[in-house]
Amino acid sequence: MARKRVRKRKNKNGILLVSGVVIVLCCFMLIGSIQLKQKLDQYAATEAELNTQIEEQEAYAQSLVKESEYIGSPEYIEAMAREKLGLLKDNEIIFKRKSK
């Protein structure tokens, strides 16, 4: 009978030990999953911010393409010739104000 009591105590101690290890492992897994969730949220916020920056840069790139097309156009060349060089077409007349 004494052996049965010792075996029962060893079984109970073994079960308690295994249960304790399982509980500790579950706690570590819970803490790890919480940390991973926080990192996932940070990465999602960073991704959203980078997506908005991408959209802004694409819009800026499109405006640069339009501007470069305009700069190469005859209208732009004519406007710059008028503005910077003061050139006129053959049938144009310049009116100037008299200085007081």
PDB file of N, CA and C in Angstrom:
ATOM      1  N   MET A   1       0.806  -1.193   0.000  1.00  0.00           N
ATOM      2  CA  MET A   1       0.000   0.000   0.000  1.00  0.00           C
ATOM      3  C   MET A   1       0.848   1.256   0.000  1.00  0.00           C
ATOM      4  N   ALA A   2       1.963   1.154   0.628  1.00  0.00           N
ATOM      5  CA  ALA A   2       2.846   2.313   0.684  1.00  0.00           C
ATOM      6  C   ALA A   2       3.352   2.653  -0.711  1.00  0.00           C
ATOM      7  N   ARG A   3       3.541   1.605  -1.514  1.00  0.00           N
ATOM      8  CA  ARG A   3       4.010   1.851  -2.875  1.00  0.00           C
ATOM      9  C   ARG A   3       2.948   2.571  -3.700  1.00  0.00           C
ATOM     10  N   LYS A   4       1.704   2.257  -3.511  1.00  0.00           N
ATOM     11  CA  LYS A   4       0.628   2.896  -4.256  1.00  0.00           C
ATOM     12  C   LYS A   4       0.568   4.376  -3.926  1.00  0.00           C
ATOM     13  N   ARG A   5       0.747   4.733  -2.634  1.00  0.00           N
ATOM     14  CA  ARG A   5       0.727   6.143  -2.245  1.00  0.00           C
ATOM     15  C   ARG A   5       1.894   6.895  -2.884  1.00  0.00           C
ATOM     16  N   VAL A   6       3.035   6.286  -2.915  1.00  0.00           N
ATOM     17  CA  VAL A   6       4.215   6.928  -3.503  1.00  0.00           C
ATOM     18  C   VAL A   6       3.999   7.117  -4.996  1.00  0.00           C
ATOM     19  N   ARG A   7       3.423   6.079  -5.638  1.00  0.00           N
ATOM     20  CA  ARG A   7       3.159   6.187  -7.082  1.00  0.00           C
ATOM     21  C   ARG A   7       2.125   7.271  -7.354  1.00  0.00           C
ATOM     22  N   LYS A   8       1.092   7.354  -6.535  1.00  0.00           N
ATOM     23  CA  LYS A   8       0.058   8.368  -6.728  1.00  0.00           C
ATOM     24  C   LYS A   8       0.647   9.762  -6.546  1.00  0.00           C
ATOM     25  N   ARG A   9       1.503   9.917  -5.541  1.00  0.00           N
ATOM     26  CA  ARG A   9       2.144  11.227  -5.324  1.00  0.00           C
ATOM     27  C   ARG A   9       3.042  11.575  -6.502  1.00  0.00           C
ATOM     28  N   LYS A  10       3.794  10.577  -6.998  1.00  0.00           N
ATOM     29  CA  LYS A  10       4.665  10.832  -8.141  1.00  0.00           C
ATOM     30  C   LYS A  10       3.841  11.170  -9.377  1.00  0.00           C
ATOM     31  N   ASN A  11       2.726  10.472  -9.564  1.00  0.00           N
ATOM     32  CA  ASN A  11       1.852  10.767 -10.690  1.00  0.00           C
ATOM     33  C   ASN A  11       1.276  12.175 -10.576  1.00  0.00           C
ATOM     34  N   LYS A  12       0.824  12.545  -9.375  1.00  0.00           N
ATOM     35  CA  LYS A  12       0.266  13.882  -9.172  1.00  0.00           C
ATOM     36  C   LYS A  12       1.340  14.941  -9.376  1.00  0.00           C
ATOM     37  N   ASN A  13       2.525  14.682  -8.846  1.00  0.00           N
ATOM     38  CA  ASN A  13       3.622  15.636  -9.032  1.00  0.00           C
ATOM     39  C   ASN A  13       4.002  15.754 -10.504  1.00  0.00           C
ATOM     40  N   GLY A  14       4.025  14.632 -11.190  1.00  0.00           N
ATOM     41  CA  GLY A  14       4.340  14.637 -12.625  1.00  0.00           C
ATOM     42  C   GLY A  14       3.300  15.397 -13.427  1.00  0.00           C
ATOM     43  N   ILE A  15       2.031  15.150 -13.098  1.00  0.00           N
ATOM     44  CA  ILE A  15       0.940  15.847 -13.788  1.00  0.00           C
ATOM     45  C   ILE A  15       1.005  17.345 -13.506  1.00  0.00           C
ATOM     46  N   LEU A  16       1.264  17.723 -12.271  1.00  0.00           N
ATOM     47  CA  LEU A  16       1.386  19.141 -11.918  1.00  0.00           C
ATOM     48  C   LEU A  16       2.575  19.784 -12.640  1.00  0.00           C
ATOM     49  N   LEU A  17       3.664  19.068 -12.711  1.00  0.00           N
ATOM     50  CA  LEU A  17       4.848  19.583 -13.387  1.00  0.00           C
ATOM     51  C   LEU A  17       4.575  19.786 -14.877  1.00  0.00           C
ATOM     52  N   VAL A  18       3.987  18.798 -15.520  1.00  0.00           N
ATOM     53  CA  VAL A  18       3.656  18.900 -16.942  1.00  0.00           C
ATOM     54  C   VAL A  18       2.647  20.022 -17.174  1.00  0.00           C
ATOM     55  N   SER A  19       1.642  20.122 -16.303  1.00  0.00           N
ATOM     56  CA  SER A  19       0.642  21.189 -16.423  1.00  0.00           C
ATOM     57  C   SER A  19       1.300  22.557 -16.267  1.00  0.00           C
ATOM     58  N   GLY A  20       2.204  22.683 -15.330  1.00  0.00           N
ATOM     59  CA  GLY A  20       2.915  23.948 -15.134  1.00  0.00           C
ATOM     60  C   GLY A  20       3.727  24.338 -16.360  1.00  0.00           C
ATOM     61  N   VAL A  21       4.420  23.354 -16.948  1.00  0.00           N
ATOM     62  CA  VAL A  21       5.213  23.620 -18.154  1.00  0.00           C
ATOM     63  C   VAL A  21       4.302  24.043 -19.303  1.00  0.00           C
ATOM     64  N   VAL A  22       3.176  23.368 -19.443  1.00  0.00           N
ATOM     65  CA  VAL A  22       2.232  23.709 -20.511  1.00  0.00           C
ATOM     66  C   VAL A  22       1.694  25.134 -20.305  1.00  0.00           C
ATOM     67  N   ILE A  23       1.374  25.486 -19.076  1.00  0.00           N
ATOM     68  CA  ILE A  23       0.865  26.828 -18.783  1.00  0.00           C
ATOM     69  C   ILE A  23       1.924  27.889 -19.088  1.00  0.00           C
ATOM     70  N   VAL A  24       3.161  27.614 -18.703  1.00  0.00           N
ATOM     71  CA  VAL A  24       4.247  28.562 -18.990  1.00  0.00           C
ATOM     72  C   VAL A  24       4.426  28.723 -20.496  1.00  0.00           C
ATOM     73  N   LEU A  25       4.398  27.619 -21.219  1.00  0.00           N
ATOM     74  CA  LEU A  25       4.534  27.690 -22.677  1.00  0.00           C
ATOM     75  C   LEU A  25       3.387  28.476 -23.307  1.00  0.00           C
ATOM     76  N   CYS A  26       2.187  28.258 -22.796  1.00  0.00           N
ATOM     77  CA  CYS A  26       1.031  29.014 -23.307  1.00  0.00           C
ATOM     78  C   CYS A  26       1.201  30.512 -23.053  1.00  0.00           C
ATOM     79  N   CYS A  27       1.728  30.868 -21.886  1.00  0.00           N
ATOM     80  CA  CYS A  27       1.976  32.285 -21.577  1.00  0.00           C
ATOM     81  C   CYS A  27       2.991  32.886 -22.541  1.00  0.00           C
ATOM     82  N   PHE A  28       4.074  32.147 -22.804  1.00  0.00           N
ATOM     83  CA  PHE A  28       5.072  32.634 -23.762  1.00  0.00           C
ATOM     84  C   PHE A  28       4.472  32.803 -25.154  1.00  0.00           C
ATOM     85  N   MET A  29       3.640  31.861 -25.558  1.00  0.00           N
ATOM     86  CA  MET A  29       3.003  31.958 -26.865  1.00  0.00           C
ATOM     87  C   MET A  29       2.055  33.152 -26.921  1.00  0.00           C
ATOM     88  N   LEU A  30       1.325  33.398 -25.841  1.00  0.00           N
ATOM     89  CA  LEU A  30       0.408  34.534 -25.790  1.00  0.00           C
ATOM     90  C   LEU A  30       1.170  35.843 -25.889  1.00  0.00           C
ATOM     91  N   ILE A  31       2.245  35.962 -25.141  1.00  0.00           N
ATOM     92  CA  ILE A  31       3.060  37.184 -25.180  1.00  0.00           C
ATOM     93  C   ILE A  31       3.656  37.375 -26.578  1.00  0.00           C
ATOM     94  N   GLY A  32       4.143  36.299 -27.158  1.00  0.00           N
ATOM     95  CA  GLY A  32       4.704  36.372 -28.511  1.00  0.00           C
ATOM     96  C   GLY A  32       3.670  36.779 -29.540  1.00  0.00           C
ATOM     97  N   SER A  33       2.462  36.253 -29.425  1.00  0.00           N
ATOM     98  CA  SER A  33       1.423  36.609 -30.392  1.00  0.00           C
ATOM     99  C   SER A  33       0.995  38.062 -30.230  1.00  0.00           C
ATOM    100  N   ILE A  34       0.983  38.565 -29.009  1.00  0.00           N
ATOM    101  CA  ILE A  34       0.652  39.980 -28.792  1.00  0.00           C
ATOM    102  C   ILE A  34       1.717  40.876 -29.420  1.00  0.00           C
ATOM    103  N   GLN A  35       2.990  40.506 -29.250  1.00  0.00           N
ATOM    104  CA  GLN A  35       4.066  41.294 -29.848  1.00  0.00           C
ATOM    105  C   GLN A  35       3.994  41.246 -31.373  1.00  0.00           C
ATOM    106  N   LEU A  36       3.681  40.098 -31.923  1.00  0.00           N
ATOM    107  CA  LEU A  36       3.551  39.982 -33.377  1.00  0.00           C
ATOM    108  C   LEU A  36       2.376  40.807 -33.896  1.00  0.00           C
ATOM    109  N   LYS A  37       1.294  40.849 -33.142  1.00  0.00           N
ATOM    110  CA  LYS A  37       0.134  41.660 -33.538  1.00  0.00           C
ATOM    111  C   LYS A  37       0.503  43.139 -33.563  1.00  0.00           C
ATOM    112  N   GLN A  38       1.277  43.593 -32.575  1.00  0.00           N
ATOM    113  CA  GLN A  38       1.709  44.986 -32.548  1.00  0.00           C
ATOM    114  C   GLN A  38       2.597  45.304 -33.742  1.00  0.00           C
ATOM    115  N   LYS A  39       3.519  44.405 -34.063  1.00  0.00           N
ATOM    116  CA  LYS A  39       4.376  44.617 -35.227  1.00  0.00           C
ATOM    117  C   LYS A  39       3.557  44.639 -36.510  1.00  0.00           C
ATOM    118  N   LEU A  40       2.576  43.758 -36.597  1.00  0.00           N
ATOM    119  CA  LEU A  40       1.714  43.713 -37.775  1.00  0.00           C
ATOM    120  C   LEU A  40       0.961  45.026 -37.941  1.00  0.00           C
ATOM    121  N   ASP A  41       0.456  45.584 -36.837  1.00  0.00           N
ATOM    122  CA  ASP A  41      -0.237  46.871 -36.897  1.00  0.00           C
ATOM    123  C   ASP A  41       0.704  47.987 -37.340  1.00  0.00           C
ATOM    124  N   GLN A  42       1.941  47.968 -36.835  1.00  0.00           N
ATOM    125  CA  GLN A  42       2.920  48.977 -37.249  1.00  0.00           C
ATOM    126  C   GLN A  42       3.230  48.847 -38.735  1.00  0.00           C
ATOM    127  N   TYR A  43       3.402  47.634 -39.198  1.00  0.00           N
ATOM    128  CA  TYR A  43       3.700  47.428 -40.611  1.00  0.00           C
ATOM    129  C   TYR A  43       2.524  47.856 -41.491  1.00  0.00           C
ATOM    130  N   ALA A  44       1.310  47.614 -41.029  1.00  0.00           N
ATOM    131  CA  ALA A  44       0.131  48.035 -41.791  1.00  0.00           C
ATOM    132  C   ALA A  44       0.071  49.557 -41.892  1.00  0.00           C
ATOM    133  N   ALA A  45       0.378  50.246 -40.798  1.00  0.00           N
ATOM    134  CA  ALA A  45       0.383  51.710 -40.821  1.00  0.00           C
ATOM    135  C   ALA A  45       1.481  52.225 -41.751  1.00  0.00           C
ATOM    136  N   THR A  46       2.640  51.609 -41.700  1.00  0.00           N
ATOM    137  CA  THR A  46       3.740  52.007 -42.580  1.00  0.00           C
ATOM    138  C   THR A  46       3.376  51.756 -44.034  1.00  0.00           C
ATOM    139  N   GLU A  47       2.732  50.639 -44.295  1.00  0.00           N
ATOM    140  CA  GLU A  47       2.324  50.320 -45.662  1.00  0.00           C
ATOM    141  C   GLU A  47       1.330  51.350 -46.188  1.00  0.00           C
ATOM    142  N   ALA A  48       0.366  51.738 -45.359  1.00  0.00           N
ATOM    143  CA  ALA A  48      -0.618  52.738 -45.778  1.00  0.00           C
ATOM    144  C   ALA A  48       0.065  54.069 -46.073  1.00  0.00           C
ATOM    145  N   GLU A  49       0.998  54.464 -45.232  1.00  0.00           N
ATOM    146  CA  GLU A  49       1.721  55.714 -45.444  1.00  0.00           C
ATOM    147  C   GLU A  49       2.541  55.667 -46.741  1.00  0.00           C
ATOM    148  N   LEU A  50       3.196  54.545 -46.976  1.00  0.00           N
ATOM    149  CA  LEU A  50       3.999  54.404 -48.189  1.00  0.00           C
ATOM    150  C   LEU A  50       3.116  54.375 -49.437  1.00  0.00           C
ATOM    151  N   ASN A  51       1.929  53.785 -49.338  1.00  0.00           N
ATOM    152  CA  ASN A  51       1.015  53.782 -50.474  1.00  0.00           C
ATOM    153  C   ASN A  51       0.566  55.196 -50.828  1.00  0.00           C
ATOM    154  N   THR A  52       0.285  56.015 -49.821  1.00  0.00           N
ATOM    155  CA  THR A  52      -0.091  57.407 -50.109  1.00  0.00           C
ATOM    156  C   THR A  52       1.080  58.160 -50.729  1.00  0.00           C
ATOM    157  N   GLN A  53       2.297  57.906 -50.255  1.00  0.00           N
ATOM    158  CA  GLN A  53       3.464  58.550 -50.851  1.00  0.00           C
ATOM    159  C   GLN A  53       3.655  58.104 -52.301  1.00  0.00           C
ATOM    160  N   ILE A  54       3.400  56.848 -52.577  1.00  0.00           N
ATOM    161  CA  ILE A  54       3.506  56.344 -53.949  1.00  0.00           C
ATOM    162  C   ILE A  54       2.503  57.057 -54.845  1.00  0.00           C
ATOM    163  N   GLU A  55       1.276  57.197 -54.377  1.00  0.00           N
ATOM    164  CA  GLU A  55       0.248  57.869 -55.162  1.00  0.00           C
ATOM    165  C   GLU A  55       0.628  59.321 -55.422  1.00  0.00           C
ATOM    166  N   GLU A  56       1.164  60.007 -54.399  1.00  0.00           N
ATOM    167  CA  GLU A  56       1.578  61.386 -54.576  1.00  0.00           C
ATOM    168  C   GLU A  56       2.710  61.491 -55.594  1.00  0.00           C
ATOM    169  N   GLN A  57       3.668  60.587 -55.515  1.00  0.00           N
ATOM    170  CA  GLN A  57       4.797  60.620 -56.442  1.00  0.00           C
ATOM    171  C   GLN A  57       4.367  60.284 -57.865  1.00  0.00           C
ATOM    172  N   GLU A  58       3.405  59.382 -58.013  1.00  0.00           N
ATOM    173  CA  GLU A  58       2.896  59.075 -59.355  1.00  0.00           C
ATOM    174  C   GLU A  58       2.181  60.280 -59.949  1.00  0.00           C
ATOM    175  N   ALA A  59       1.407  60.988 -59.134  1.00  0.00           N
ATOM    176  CA  ALA A  59       0.734  62.194 -59.616  1.00  0.00           C
ATOM    177  C   ALA A  59       1.765  63.261 -60.001  1.00  0.00           C
ATOM    178  N   TYR A  60       2.813  63.396 -59.192  1.00  0.00           N
ATOM    179  CA  TYR A  60       3.869  64.361 -59.492  1.00  0.00           C
ATOM    180  C   TYR A  60       4.593  63.977 -60.785  1.00  0.00           C
ATOM    181  N   ALA A  61       4.834  62.699 -60.978  1.00  0.00           N
ATOM    182  CA  ALA A  61       5.493  62.231 -62.196  1.00  0.00           C
ATOM    183  C   ALA A  61       4.634  62.529 -63.423  1.00  0.00           C
ATOM    184  N   GLN A  62       3.322  62.354 -63.294  1.00  0.00           N
ATOM    185  CA  GLN A  62       2.427  62.672 -64.411  1.00  0.00           C
ATOM    186  C   GLN A  62       2.453  64.157 -64.727  1.00  0.00           C
ATOM    187  N   SER A  63       2.496  64.993 -63.694  1.00  0.00           N
ATOM    188  CA  SER A  63       2.558  66.438 -63.946  1.00  0.00           C
ATOM    189  C   SER A  63       3.876  66.810 -64.622  1.00  0.00           C
ATOM    190  N   LEU A  64       4.959  66.137 -64.245  1.00  0.00           N
ATOM    191  CA  LEU A  64       6.248  66.398 -64.893  1.00  0.00           C
ATOM    192  C   LEU A  64       6.230  65.966 -66.359  1.00  0.00           C
ATOM    193  N   VAL A  65       5.579  64.866 -66.658  1.00  0.00           N
ATOM    194  CA  VAL A  65       5.467  64.415 -68.045  1.00  0.00           C
ATOM    195  C   VAL A  65       4.688  65.440 -68.856  1.00  0.00           C
ATOM    196  N   LYS A  66       3.577  65.934 -68.306  1.00  0.00           N
ATOM    197  CA  LYS A  66       2.782  66.946 -69.012  1.00  0.00           C
ATOM    198  C   LYS A  66       3.583  68.222 -69.219  1.00  0.00           C
ATOM    199  N   GLU A  67       4.336  68.616 -68.188  1.00  0.00           N
ATOM    200  CA  GLU A  67       5.146  69.827 -68.292  1.00  0.00           C
ATOM    201  C   GLU A  67       6.247  69.659 -69.338  1.00  0.00           C
ATOM    202  N   SER A  68       6.882  68.488 -69.371  1.00  0.00           N
ATOM    203  CA  SER A  68       7.934  68.271 -70.366  1.00  0.00           C
ATOM    204  C   SER A  68       7.359  68.247 -71.775  1.00  0.00           C
ATOM    205  N   GLU A  69       6.146  67.744 -71.933  1.00  0.00           N
ATOM    206  CA  GLU A  69       5.493  67.781 -73.243  1.00  0.00           C
ATOM    207  C   GLU A  69       5.199  69.218 -73.650  1.00  0.00           C
ATOM    208  N   TYR A  70       4.761  70.035 -72.699  1.00  0.00           N
ATOM    209  CA  TYR A  70       4.469  71.439 -72.996  1.00  0.00           C
ATOM    210  C   TYR A  70       5.744  72.201 -73.330  1.00  0.00           C
ATOM    211  N   ILE A  71       6.837  71.900 -72.618  1.00  0.00           N
ATOM    212  CA  ILE A  71       8.098  72.607 -72.863  1.00  0.00           C
ATOM    213  C   ILE A  71       8.607  72.331 -74.274  1.00  0.00           C
ATOM    214  N   GLY A  72       8.363  71.157 -74.786  1.00  0.00           N
ATOM    215  CA  GLY A  72       8.800  70.833 -76.141  1.00  0.00           C
ATOM    216  C   GLY A  72       7.850  71.317 -77.220  1.00  0.00           C
ATOM    217  N   SER A  73       6.727  71.893 -76.850  1.00  0.00           N
ATOM    218  CA  SER A  73       5.729  72.296 -77.837  1.00  0.00           C
ATOM    219  C   SER A  73       6.075  73.659 -78.446  1.00  0.00           C
ATOM    220  N   PRO A  74       5.590  73.922 -79.644  1.00  0.00           N
ATOM    221  CA  PRO A  74       5.827  75.225 -80.288  1.00  0.00           C
ATOM    222  C   PRO A  74       5.209  76.392 -79.500  1.00  0.00           C
ATOM    223  N   GLU A  75       4.097  76.145 -78.805  1.00  0.00           N
ATOM    224  CA  GLU A  75       3.464  77.210 -78.024  1.00  0.00           C
ATOM    225  C   GLU A  75       4.398  77.709 -76.922  1.00  0.00           C
ATOM    226  N   TYR A  76       5.080  76.791 -76.270  1.00  0.00           N
ATOM    227  CA  TYR A  76       5.995  77.172 -75.196  1.00  0.00           C
ATOM    228  C   TYR A  76       7.188  77.937 -75.766  1.00  0.00           C
ATOM    229  N   ILE A  77       7.719  77.451 -76.860  1.00  0.00           N
ATOM    230  CA  ILE A  77       8.867  78.129 -77.480  1.00  0.00           C
ATOM    231  C   ILE A  77       8.488  79.543 -77.884  1.00  0.00           C
ATOM    232  N   GLU A  78       7.292  79.718 -78.448  1.00  0.00           N
ATOM    233  CA  GLU A  78       6.828  81.050 -78.842  1.00  0.00           C
ATOM    234  C   GLU A  78       6.643  81.947 -77.614  1.00  0.00           C
ATOM    235  N   ALA A  79       6.066  81.389 -76.566  1.00  0.00           N
ATOM    236  CA  ALA A  79       5.840  82.181 -75.347  1.00  0.00           C
ATOM    237  C   ALA A  79       7.166  82.623 -74.745  1.00  0.00           C
ATOM    238  N   MET A  80       8.161  81.760 -74.713  1.00  0.00           N
ATOM    239  CA  MET A  80       9.468  82.130 -74.162  1.00  0.00           C
ATOM    240  C   MET A  80      10.179  83.150 -75.050  1.00  0.00           C
ATOM    241  N   ALA A  81      10.021  83.018 -76.369  1.00  0.00           N
ATOM    242  CA  ALA A  81      10.631  83.991 -77.277  1.00  0.00           C
ATOM    243  C   ALA A  81      10.019  85.363 -77.070  1.00  0.00           C
ATOM    244  N   ARG A  82       8.723  85.417 -76.848  1.00  0.00           N
ATOM    245  CA  ARG A  82       8.068  86.701 -76.594  1.00  0.00           C
ATOM    246  C   ARG A  82       8.489  87.276 -75.247  1.00  0.00           C
ATOM    247  N   GLU A  83       8.498  86.421 -74.237  1.00  0.00           N
ATOM    248  CA  GLU A  83       8.763  86.894 -72.885  1.00  0.00           C
ATOM    249  C   GLU A  83      10.230  87.253 -72.670  1.00  0.00           C
ATOM    250  N   LYS A  84      11.124  86.377 -73.026  1.00  0.00           N
ATOM    251  CA  LYS A  84      12.547  86.565 -72.705  1.00  0.00           C
ATOM    252  C   LYS A  84      13.265  87.429 -73.737  1.00  0.00           C
ATOM    253  N   LEU A  85      12.931  87.229 -75.003  1.00  0.00           N
ATOM    254  CA  LEU A  85      13.666  87.928 -76.057  1.00  0.00           C
ATOM    255  C   LEU A  85      12.901  89.132 -76.621  1.00  0.00           C
ATOM    256  N   GLY A  86      11.627  89.241 -76.322  1.00  0.00           N
ATOM    257  CA  GLY A  86      10.824  90.357 -76.818  1.00  0.00           C
ATOM    258  C   GLY A  86      10.538  90.269 -78.311  1.00  0.00           C
ATOM    259  N   LEU A  87      10.522  89.060 -78.856  1.00  0.00           N
ATOM    260  CA  LEU A  87      10.263  88.892 -80.287  1.00  0.00           C
ATOM    261  C   LEU A  87       8.774  89.021 -80.580  1.00  0.00           C
ATOM    262  N   LEU A  88       8.483  89.434 -81.817  1.00  0.00           N
ATOM    263  CA  LEU A  88       7.104  89.618 -82.281  1.00  0.00           C
ATOM    264  C   LEU A  88       6.895  88.877 -83.581  1.00  0.00           C
ATOM    265  N   LYS A  89       5.620  88.690 -83.906  1.00  0.00           N
ATOM    266  CA  LYS A  89       5.284  88.156 -85.222  1.00  0.00           C
ATOM    267  C   LYS A  89       5.332  89.321 -86.218  1.00  0.00           C
ATOM    268  N   ASP A  90       5.302  89.003 -87.498  1.00  0.00           N
ATOM    269  CA  ASP A  90       5.468  90.030 -88.534  1.00  0.00           C
ATOM    270  C   ASP A  90       4.393  91.107 -88.487  1.00  0.00           C
ATOM    271  N   ASN A  91       3.164  90.767 -88.201  1.00  0.00           N
ATOM    272  CA  ASN A  91       2.074  91.732 -88.272  1.00  0.00           C
ATOM    273  C   ASN A  91       1.677  92.300 -86.898  1.00  0.00           C
ATOM    274  N   GLU A  92       2.509  92.183 -85.907  1.00  0.00           N
ATOM    275  CA  GLU A  92       2.177  92.675 -84.569  1.00  0.00           C
ATOM    276  C   GLU A  92       2.831  94.032 -84.333  1.00  0.00           C
ATOM    277  N   ILE A  93       2.145  94.822 -83.502  1.00  0.00           N
ATOM    278  CA  ILE A  93       2.637  96.150 -83.132  1.00  0.00           C
ATOM    279  C   ILE A  93       2.675  96.217 -81.610  1.00  0.00           C
ATOM    280  N   ILE A  94       3.731  96.793 -81.094  1.00  0.00           N
ATOM    281  CA  ILE A  94       3.868  96.958 -79.641  1.00  0.00           C
ATOM    282  C   ILE A  94       3.451  98.380 -79.283  1.00  0.00           C
ATOM    283  N   PHE A  95       2.580  98.472 -78.311  1.00  0.00           N
ATOM    284  CA  PHE A  95       2.179  99.783 -77.776  1.00  0.00           C
ATOM    285  C   PHE A  95       2.846  99.950 -76.427  1.00  0.00           C
ATOM    286  N   LYS A  96       3.521 101.091 -76.278  1.00  0.00           N
ATOM    287  CA  LYS A  96       4.183 101.372 -75.014  1.00  0.00           C
ATOM    288  C   LYS A  96       3.557 102.611 -74.402  1.00  0.00           C
ATOM    289  N   ARG A  97       3.504 102.650 -73.099  1.00  0.00           N
ATOM    290  CA  ARG A  97       2.996 103.822 -72.400  1.00  0.00           C
ATOM    291  C   ARG A  97       4.082 104.882 -72.373  1.00  0.00           C
ATOM    292  N   LYS A  98       3.619 106.082 -72.411  1.00  0.00           N
ATOM    293  CA  LYS A  98       4.568 107.165 -72.250  1.00  0.00           C
ATOM    294  C   LYS A  98       4.909 107.297 -70.772  1.00  0.00           C
ATOM    295  N   SER A  99       6.148 107.530 -70.520  1.00  0.00           N
ATOM    296  CA  SER A  99       6.528 107.722 -69.112  1.00  0.00           C
ATOM    297  C   SER A  99       6.184 109.139 -68.710  1.00  0.00           C
ATOM    298  N   LYS A 100       5.723 109.356 -67.528  1.00  0.00           N
ATOM    299  CA  LYS A 100       5.270 110.684 -67.066  1.00  0.00           C
ATOM    300  C   LYS A 100       6.399 111.517 -66.601  1.00  0.00           C
TER     301      LYS A 100
END
